[in-house]
């Protein structure tokens, strides 16, 4: 729906295209800026938490060096052959 009721001429089309291109570049630039701010904020938050918990990490490492874990720790893998399990159940 046009206000004047006329089709835009060549100048109107060129100006409309130019305005759309400028708007597209502006939106893209603002999205990059927002992304950079969010990444910087995330890095600052991670650095803050890392810095604030450094004493806790050092204490945990020291405790692990001083006292071995209690109980019996068994580490390994279990390989299960489904064919042999079926034949042993029969």
Protein backbone atom coordinates (compact mmCIF):
# COMPACT_ATOMS: atom_id res chain seq x y z
CA UNK A 1 0.00 0.00 0.00
CA UNK A 2 1.51 3.26 -1.12
CA UNK A 3 0.67 6.59 0.44
CA UNK A 4 0.89 8.60 -2.76
CA UNK A 5 -0.68 5.91 -4.89
CA UNK A 6 2.20 6.03 -7.40
CA UNK A 7 4.92 3.52 -8.14
CA UNK A 8 8.34 4.71 -6.94
CA UNK A 9 10.65 5.87 -9.69
CA UNK A 10 14.23 4.85 -10.27
CA UNK A 11 15.50 7.34 -7.68
CA UNK A 12 13.06 6.04 -5.09
CA UNK A 13 14.12 2.46 -5.73
CA UNK A 14 17.82 3.33 -5.47
CA UNK A 15 17.27 5.28 -2.24
CA UNK A 16 15.21 2.44 -0.81
CA UNK A 17 17.91 -0.08 -1.69
CA UNK A 18 20.61 2.15 -0.18
CA UNK A 19 18.61 2.63 3.01
CA UNK A 20 18.07 -1.11 3.31
CA UNK A 21 21.78 -1.80 2.77
CA UNK A 22 22.78 0.78 5.39
CA UNK A 23 20.25 -0.68 7.83
CA UNK A 24 21.55 -4.21 7.20
CA UNK A 25 25.17 -3.14 7.80
CA UNK A 26 24.14 -1.28 10.96
CA UNK A 27 22.28 -4.29 12.36
CA UNK A 28 25.21 -6.59 11.53
CA UNK A 29 27.67 -4.22 13.23
CA UNK A 30 25.51 -3.99 16.35
CA UNK A 31 25.18 -7.78 16.52
CA UNK A 32 28.98 -8.15 16.34
CA UNK A 33 29.35 -5.57 19.09
CA UNK A 34 26.80 -7.37 21.25
CA UNK A 35 28.58 -10.69 20.65
CA UNK A 36 31.94 -9.15 21.64
CA UNK A 37 30.44 -7.70 24.82
CA UNK A 38 28.88 -11.05 25.75
CA UNK A 39 32.13 -12.93 25.13
CA UNK A 40 34.10 -10.39 27.18
CA UNK A 41 31.54 -10.60 29.99
CA UNK A 42 31.70 -14.39 29.96
CA UNK A 43 35.49 -14.36 30.10
CA UNK A 44 35.42 -11.87 32.96
CA UNK A 45 32.92 -14.01 34.89
CA UNK A 46 34.99 -17.17 34.32
CA UNK A 47 38.17 -15.36 35.40
CA UNK A 48 36.47 -14.00 38.52
CA UNK A 49 35.22 -17.44 39.55
CA UNK A 50 38.60 -19.02 38.79
CA UNK A 51 40.36 -16.37 40.88
CA UNK A 52 37.93 -16.65 43.80
CA UNK A 53 38.16 -20.45 43.98
CA UNK A 54 41.96 -20.75 43.70
CA UNK A 55 42.39 -21.18 47.46
CA UNK A 56 39.78 -23.91 47.52
CA UNK A 57 41.51 -25.78 44.68
CA UNK A 58 44.87 -25.52 46.45
CA UNK A 59 43.38 -26.84 49.70
CA UNK A 60 41.78 -29.80 47.92
CA UNK A 61 45.05 -30.67 46.17
CA UNK A 62 46.91 -30.47 49.48
CA UNK A 63 44.38 -32.74 51.19
CA UNK A 64 44.69 -35.30 48.40
CA UNK A 65 48.49 -35.30 48.77
CA UNK A 66 48.36 -35.66 52.56
CA UNK A 67 45.68 -38.34 52.85
CA UNK A 68 45.08 -41.06 50.28
CA UNK A 69 41.48 -42.01 49.60
CA UNK A 70 39.96 -44.39 52.12
CA UNK A 71 38.78 -47.84 51.16
CA UNK A 72 39.67 -49.92 48.17
CA UNK A 73 39.65 -48.38 44.70
CA UNK A 74 39.50 -50.73 41.72
CA UNK A 75 39.74 -49.28 38.26
CA UNK A 76 39.29 -51.23 35.08
CA UNK A 77 37.06 -52.13 32.16
CA UNK A 78 34.37 -54.72 31.75
CA UNK A 79 34.10 -56.34 28.35
CA UNK A 80 30.95 -58.32 27.90
CA UNK A 81 30.41 -60.83 25.12
CA UNK A 82 26.67 -61.22 24.65
CA UNK A 83 27.00 -64.55 22.77
CA UNK A 84 28.92 -66.23 25.56
CA UNK A 85 26.48 -64.88 28.16
CA UNK A 86 23.53 -66.44 26.32
CA UNK A 87 25.21 -69.85 26.02
CA UNK A 88 26.23 -69.91 29.71
CA UNK A 89 22.67 -69.19 30.83
CA UNK A 90 21.27 -72.27 29.04
